[in-house]
Amino acid sequence: MNDLKRLNEELENYFQNTIIPQLFVDADLILRKFTPPAMKQFNLSEEDLGKHISELSDNIRYPTIEENIKRVINSNQNFEKEIQTTDFRWYQMNILPYIIREENKSNGVIITFVDITDRIETLKQFEKLNLNYENIIYTISHDLKGPLGNIEGLIQWLKNAPDRESSDAKSMFNRLNESVQNMRRIIE
């Protein structure tokens, strides 16, 4: 009995001191336990214990959570999804089966929520920065193509000039033309 009491005390200590919002839901979709961060983040109170998951007034924007919980219970497979709350925070939600080892059967789930809002915002900033770089590269490329086209036109005009047959002129035209072609390949 003392061992059971000690184990229960250790488990309660874990629940009270974890920083991760967690919900413990049984196979009947009844909320059995939650961590203090879940209480804070999802507006849960002690009165919510024993309620069906559909009765909870949470701020999760995720209408299929019940179906996903049932799927995890039936399949014993983890489920992972990025979700958003009504306060526009993003979480990595993991629904993990709570398996009774002797029976190798799920008796509910543990749902964890890891705040990924900063990561999502950083990704959005990188996407915006990438779009800006693409615009800059396009603009530079476009701006270089104009003068390059003018140089190519000038080469064509010079090729048709009366003294274009001299070896110096031919050599100059060829080098100029080769440089323009190299520059065009670089731009493209």
C-alpha atoms as a PDB file:
ATOM      1  CA  MET A   1       0.000   0.000   0.000  1.00  0.00           C
ATOM      2  CA  ASN A   2       2.885   2.358   0.790  1.00  0.00           C
ATOM      3  CA  ASP A   3       4.431   1.684  -2.634  1.00  0.00           C
ATOM      4  CA  LEU A   4       1.147   2.529  -4.324  1.00  0.00           C
ATOM      5  CA  LYS A   5       0.820   5.693  -2.256  1.00  0.00           C
ATOM      6  CA  ARG A   6       4.407   6.715  -3.105  1.00  0.00           C
ATOM      7  CA  LEU A   7       3.871   6.066  -6.837  1.00  0.00           C
ATOM      8  CA  ASN A   8       0.653   8.059  -6.783  1.00  0.00           C
ATOM      9  CA  GLU A   9       2.436  10.911  -5.028  1.00  0.00           C
ATOM     10  CA  GLU A  10       5.210  10.878  -7.644  1.00  0.00           C
ATOM     11  CA  LEU A  11       2.655  10.948 -10.423  1.00  0.00           C
ATOM     12  CA  GLU A  12       0.790  13.860  -8.801  1.00  0.00           C
ATOM     13  CA  ASN A  13       4.089  15.690  -8.400  1.00  0.00           C
ATOM     14  CA  TYR A  14       4.758  15.231 -12.122  1.00  0.00           C
ATOM     15  CA  PHE A  15       1.297  16.527 -13.046  1.00  0.00           C
ATOM     16  CA  GLN A  16       1.654  19.603 -10.883  1.00  0.00           C
ATOM     17  CA  ASN A  17       5.140  20.508 -12.083  1.00  0.00           C
ATOM     18  CA  THR A  18       5.087  19.890 -15.813  1.00  0.00           C
ATOM     19  CA  ILE A  19       5.165  22.918 -18.073  1.00  0.00           C
ATOM     20  CA  ILE A  20       3.416  21.173 -20.956  1.00  0.00           C
ATOM     21  CA  PRO A  21      -0.361  21.371 -21.270  1.00  0.00           C
ATOM     22  CA  GLN A  22      -1.651  17.800 -21.130  1.00  0.00           C
ATOM     23  CA  LEU A  23      -5.096  16.263 -21.048  1.00  0.00           C
ATOM     24  CA  PHE A  24      -5.836  12.708 -19.958  1.00  0.00           C
ATOM     25  CA  VAL A  25      -9.012  11.402 -21.588  1.00  0.00           C
ATOM     26  CA  ASP A  26     -10.385   7.891 -21.034  1.00  0.00           C
ATOM     27  CA  ALA A  27     -11.834   5.517 -23.643  1.00  0.00           C
ATOM     28  CA  ASP A  28     -15.306   7.026 -23.089  1.00  0.00           C
ATOM     29  CA  LEU A  29     -13.883  10.482 -23.920  1.00  0.00           C
ATOM     30  CA  ILE A  30     -14.184  11.626 -20.311  1.00  0.00           C
ATOM     31  CA  LEU A  31     -11.584  14.092 -19.030  1.00  0.00           C
ATOM     32  CA  ARG A  32      -9.794  12.354 -16.143  1.00  0.00           C
ATOM     33  CA  LYS A  33      -6.894  14.673 -15.451  1.00  0.00           C
ATOM     34  CA  PHE A  34      -5.051  17.694 -16.799  1.00  0.00           C
ATOM     35  CA  THR A  35      -1.888  19.577 -15.976  1.00  0.00           C
ATOM     36  CA  PRO A  36      -1.903  23.134 -14.584  1.00  0.00           C
ATOM     37  CA  PRO A  37      -0.658  24.601 -17.901  1.00  0.00           C
ATOM     38  CA  ALA A  38      -3.680  22.978 -19.601  1.00  0.00           C
ATOM     39  CA  MET A  39      -5.907  24.585 -16.986  1.00  0.00           C
ATOM     40  CA  LYS A  40      -4.439  27.972 -17.789  1.00  0.00           C
ATOM     41  CA  GLN A  41      -4.217  27.647 -21.579  1.00  0.00           C
ATOM     42  CA  PHE A  42      -7.546  25.948 -22.219  1.00  0.00           C
ATOM     43  CA  ASN A  43      -9.654  27.525 -19.493  1.00  0.00           C
ATOM     44  CA  LEU A  44     -10.156  24.274 -17.611  1.00  0.00           C
ATOM     45  CA  SER A  45     -11.164  24.016 -13.981  1.00  0.00           C
ATOM     46  CA  GLU A  46     -11.539  21.203 -11.465  1.00  0.00           C
ATOM     47  CA  GLU A  47     -15.264  21.140 -12.320  1.00  0.00           C
ATOM     48  CA  ASP A  48     -14.337  19.935 -15.836  1.00  0.00           C
ATOM     49  CA  LEU A  49     -12.979  16.638 -14.498  1.00  0.00           C
ATOM     50  CA  GLY A  50     -15.425  13.848 -15.303  1.00  0.00           C
ATOM     51  CA  LYS A  51     -16.972  15.718 -18.239  1.00  0.00           C
ATOM     52  CA  HIS A  52     -17.136  14.425 -21.780  1.00  0.00           C
ATOM     53  CA  ILE A  53     -14.569  16.073 -24.067  1.00  0.00           C
ATOM     54  CA  SER A  54     -17.396  17.659 -26.085  1.00  0.00           C
ATOM     55  CA  GLU A  55     -18.670  19.465 -22.969  1.00  0.00           C
ATOM     56  CA  LEU A  56     -15.430  21.312 -22.323  1.00  0.00           C
ATOM     57  CA  SER A  57     -15.339  24.987 -23.148  1.00  0.00           C
ATOM     58  CA  ASP A  58     -11.882  25.172 -24.614  1.00  0.00           C
ATOM     59  CA  ASN A  59     -10.353  27.639 -27.002  1.00  0.00           C
ATOM     60  CA  ILE A  60      -9.055  25.088 -29.503  1.00  0.00           C
ATOM     61  CA  ARG A  61      -9.961  25.648 -33.144  1.00  0.00           C
ATOM     62  CA  TYR A  62     -10.139  21.990 -34.006  1.00  0.00           C
ATOM     63  CA  PRO A  63     -13.584  20.482 -34.567  1.00  0.00           C
ATOM     64  CA  THR A  64     -12.482  16.879 -35.243  1.00  0.00           C
ATOM     65  CA  ILE A  65     -10.640  16.246 -31.995  1.00  0.00           C
ATOM     66  CA  GLU A  66     -13.213  13.663 -30.858  1.00  0.00           C
ATOM     67  CA  GLU A  67     -12.859  11.656 -34.062  1.00  0.00           C
ATOM     68  CA  ASN A  68      -9.078  11.782 -33.788  1.00  0.00           C
ATOM     69  CA  ILE A  69      -9.178  10.618 -30.160  1.00  0.00           C
ATOM     70  CA  LYS A  70     -11.413   7.679 -31.152  1.00  0.00           C
ATOM     71  CA  ARG A  71      -9.065   6.785 -34.016  1.00  0.00           C
ATOM     72  CA  VAL A  72      -6.061   6.738 -31.650  1.00  0.00           C
ATOM     73  CA  ILE A  73      -7.958   4.605 -29.118  1.00  0.00           C
ATOM     74  CA  ASN A  74      -9.007   2.107 -31.808  1.00  0.00           C
ATOM     75  CA  SER A  75      -5.674   1.948 -33.628  1.00  0.00           C
ATOM     76  CA  ASN A  76      -3.189   2.416 -30.762  1.00  0.00           C
ATOM     77  CA  GLN A  77      -1.338   4.726 -33.168  1.00  0.00           C
ATOM     78  CA  ASN A  78      -0.085   8.207 -32.290  1.00  0.00           C
ATOM     79  CA  PHE A  79      -1.688  11.200 -33.985  1.00  0.00           C
ATOM     80  CA  GLU A  80       0.039  14.531 -34.561  1.00  0.00           C
ATOM     81  CA  LYS A  81      -1.431  17.802 -35.822  1.00  0.00           C
ATOM     82  CA  GLU A  82      -0.683  21.509 -35.759  1.00  0.00           C
ATOM     83  CA  ILE A  83      -3.645  23.398 -34.345  1.00  0.00           C
ATOM     84  CA  GLN A  84      -4.503  26.988 -33.559  1.00  0.00           C
ATOM     85  CA  THR A  85      -6.350  28.378 -30.566  1.00  0.00           C
ATOM     86  CA  THR A  86      -8.834  31.221 -30.532  1.00  0.00           C
ATOM     87  CA  ASP A  87      -6.105  33.508 -29.196  1.00  0.00           C
ATOM     88  CA  PHE A  88      -4.159  32.767 -32.429  1.00  0.00           C
ATOM     89  CA  ARG A  89      -1.442  30.689 -30.793  1.00  0.00           C
ATOM     90  CA  TRP A  90      -0.189  27.572 -32.579  1.00  0.00           C
ATOM     91  CA  TYR A  91       0.384  24.212 -30.920  1.00  0.00           C
ATOM     92  CA  GLN A  92       1.798  20.881 -31.955  1.00  0.00           C
ATOM     93  CA  MET A  93      -0.898  18.559 -30.648  1.00  0.00           C
ATOM     94  CA  ASN A  94      -0.025  14.923 -30.054  1.00  0.00           C
ATOM     95  CA  ILE A  95      -2.684  12.380 -29.183  1.00  0.00           C
ATOM     96  CA  LEU A  96      -1.007   9.308 -27.717  1.00  0.00           C
ATOM     97  CA  PRO A  97      -2.753   6.083 -26.736  1.00  0.00           C
ATOM     98  CA  TYR A  98      -2.785   5.248 -23.043  1.00  0.00           C
ATOM     99  CA  ILE A  99      -2.149   1.537 -23.264  1.00  0.00           C
ATOM    100  CA  ILE A 100      -2.826  -1.009 -20.538  1.00  0.00           C
ATOM    101  CA  ARG A 101       0.229  -3.175 -21.036  1.00  0.00           C
ATOM    102  CA  GLU A 102      -1.210  -6.418 -19.642  1.00  0.00           C
ATOM    103  CA  GLU A 103      -4.073  -6.295 -22.140  1.00  0.00           C
ATOM    104  CA  ASN A 104      -2.182  -4.412 -24.887  1.00  0.00           C
ATOM    105  CA  LYS A 105      -5.303  -2.307 -25.256  1.00  0.00           C
ATOM    106  CA  SER A 106      -5.844   1.435 -25.222  1.00  0.00           C
ATOM    107  CA  ASN A 107      -7.793   2.737 -22.251  1.00  0.00           C
ATOM    108  CA  GLY A 108      -7.780   6.359 -23.406  1.00  0.00           C
ATOM    109  CA  VAL A 109      -5.354   8.981 -24.607  1.00  0.00           C
ATOM    110  CA  ILE A 110      -2.900  11.546 -23.400  1.00  0.00           C
ATOM    111  CA  ILE A 111      -3.078  14.766 -25.398  1.00  0.00           C
ATOM    112  CA  THR A 112      -0.070  17.062 -25.257  1.00  0.00           C
ATOM    113  CA  PHE A 113       0.216  20.571 -26.612  1.00  0.00           C
ATOM    114  CA  VAL A 114       3.592  22.121 -27.397  1.00  0.00           C
ATOM    115  CA  ASP A 115       3.515  25.828 -28.170  1.00  0.00           C
ATOM    116  CA  ILE A 116       5.015  26.375 -31.642  1.00  0.00           C
ATOM    117  CA  THR A 117       3.758  29.921 -32.204  1.00  0.00           C
ATOM    118  CA  ASP A 118       7.288  31.347 -32.373  1.00  0.00           C
ATOM    119  CA  ARG A 119       8.321  28.724 -34.936  1.00  0.00           C
ATOM    120  CA  ILE A 120       5.278  29.430 -37.100  1.00  0.00           C
ATOM    121  CA  GLU A 121       5.956  33.180 -36.958  1.00  0.00           C
ATOM    122  CA  THR A 122       9.612  32.604 -37.841  1.00  0.00           C
ATOM    123  CA  LEU A 123       8.588  30.466 -40.826  1.00  0.00           C
ATOM    124  CA  LYS A 124       6.212  33.188 -41.999  1.00  0.00           C
ATOM    125  CA  GLN A 125       9.032  35.732 -41.760  1.00  0.00           C
ATOM    126  CA  PHE A 126      11.359  33.452 -43.747  1.00  0.00           C
ATOM    127  CA  GLU A 127       8.693  32.984 -46.423  1.00  0.00           C
ATOM    128  CA  LYS A 128       8.249  36.751 -46.654  1.00  0.00           C
ATOM    129  CA  LEU A 129      12.015  37.272 -46.788  1.00  0.00           C
ATOM    130  CA  ASN A 130      12.328  34.600 -49.483  1.00  0.00           C
ATOM    131  CA  LEU A 131       9.611  36.315 -51.534  1.00  0.00           C
ATOM    132  CA  ASN A 132      11.448  39.634 -51.157  1.00  0.00           C
ATOM    133  CA  TYR A 133      14.701  38.013 -52.348  1.00  0.00           C
ATOM    134  CA  GLU A 134      12.912  36.500 -55.334  1.00  0.00           C
ATOM    135  CA  ASN A 135      11.540  39.947 -56.224  1.00  0.00           C
ATOM    136  CA  ILE A 136      14.963  41.543 -55.863  1.00  0.00           C
ATOM    137  CA  ILE A 137      16.610  38.884 -58.030  1.00  0.00           C
ATOM    138  CA  TYR A 138      13.891  39.255 -60.665  1.00  0.00           C
ATOM    139  CA  THR A 139      14.304  43.048 -60.668  1.00  0.00           C
ATOM    140  CA  ILE A 140      18.094  42.861 -60.963  1.00  0.00           C
ATOM    141  CA  SER A 141      17.818  40.290 -63.729  1.00  0.00           C
ATOM    142  CA  HIS A 142      15.271  42.414 -65.573  1.00  0.00           C
ATOM    143  CA  ASP A 143      17.368  45.561 -65.158  1.00  0.00           C
ATOM    144  CA  LEU A 144      20.470  43.820 -66.530  1.00  0.00           C
ATOM    145  CA  LYS A 145      18.656  42.334 -69.509  1.00  0.00           C
ATOM    146  CA  GLY A 146      17.772  45.795 -70.899  1.00  0.00           C
ATOM    147  CA  PRO A 147      21.335  47.096 -71.269  1.00  0.00           C
ATOM    148  CA  LEU A 148      22.479  43.668 -72.402  1.00  0.00           C
ATOM    149  CA  GLY A 149      19.904  43.762 -75.192  1.00  0.00           C
ATOM    150  CA  ASN A 150      21.175  47.201 -76.191  1.00  0.00           C
ATOM    151  CA  ILE A 151      24.764  45.907 -76.336  1.00  0.00           C
ATOM    152  CA  GLU A 152      23.647  42.965 -78.472  1.00  0.00           C
ATOM    153  CA  GLY A 153      21.862  45.369 -80.818  1.00  0.00           C
ATOM    154  CA  LEU A 154      24.982  47.494 -81.044  1.00  0.00           C
ATOM    155  CA  ILE A 155      27.068  44.402 -81.886  1.00  0.00           C
ATOM    156  CA  GLN A 156      24.667  43.546 -84.692  1.00  0.00           C
ATOM    157  CA  TRP A 157      24.868  47.099 -86.003  1.00  0.00           C
ATOM    158  CA  LEU A 158      28.683  47.062 -85.830  1.00  0.00           C
ATOM    159  CA  LYS A 159      28.790  43.710 -87.672  1.00  0.00           C
ATOM    160  CA  ASN A 160      27.094  45.400 -90.583  1.00  0.00           C
ATOM    161  CA  ALA A 161      29.512  48.377 -90.567  1.00  0.00           C
ATOM    162  CA  PRO A 162      31.671  48.836 -93.733  1.00  0.00           C
ATOM    163  CA  ASP A 163      35.044  48.164 -92.040  1.00  0.00           C
ATOM    164  CA  ARG A 164      33.865  45.092 -90.190  1.00  0.00           C
ATOM    165  CA  GLU A 165      36.142  42.828 -92.247  1.00  0.00           C
ATOM    166  CA  SER A 166      39.397  43.888 -90.559  1.00  0.00           C
ATOM    167  CA  SER A 167      40.933  41.236 -88.299  1.00  0.00           C
ATOM    168  CA  ASP A 168      40.993  43.629 -85.331  1.00  0.00           C
ATOM    169  CA  ALA A 169      37.284  44.434 -85.787  1.00  0.00           C
ATOM    170  CA  LYS A 170      36.412  40.747 -86.136  1.00  0.00           C
ATOM    171  CA  SER A 171      38.396  39.866 -83.035  1.00  0.00           C
ATOM    172  CA  MET A 172      36.770  42.706 -81.070  1.00  0.00           C
ATOM    173  CA  PHE A 173      33.261  41.751 -82.228  1.00  0.00           C
ATOM    174  CA  ASN A 174      33.836  38.101 -81.324  1.00  0.00           C
ATOM    175  CA  ARG A 175      35.141  38.902 -77.832  1.00  0.00           C
ATOM    176  CA  LEU A 176      32.352  41.396 -77.217  1.00  0.00           C
ATOM    177  CA  ASN A 177      29.764  38.932 -78.445  1.00  0.00           C
ATOM    178  CA  GLU A 178      31.247  36.129 -76.303  1.00  0.00           C
ATOM    179  CA  SER A 179      31.188  38.374 -73.213  1.00  0.00           C
ATOM    180  CA  VAL A 180      27.554  39.311 -73.847  1.00  0.00           C
ATOM    181  CA  GLN A 181      26.601  35.633 -74.240  1.00  0.00           C
ATOM    182  CA  ASN A 182      28.428  34.754 -70.999  1.00  0.00           C
ATOM    183  CA  MET A 183      26.656  37.582 -69.202  1.00  0.00           C
ATOM    184  CA  ARG A 184      23.276  36.424 -70.558  1.00  0.00           C
ATOM    185  CA  ARG A 185      23.926  32.854 -69.321  1.00  0.00           C
ATOM    186  CA  ILE A 186      24.778  34.193 -65.871  1.00  0.00           C
ATOM    187  CA  ILE A 187      21.612  36.308 -65.759  1.00  0.00           C
ATOM    188  CA  GLU A 188      19.406  33.443 -66.904  1.00  0.00           C
END
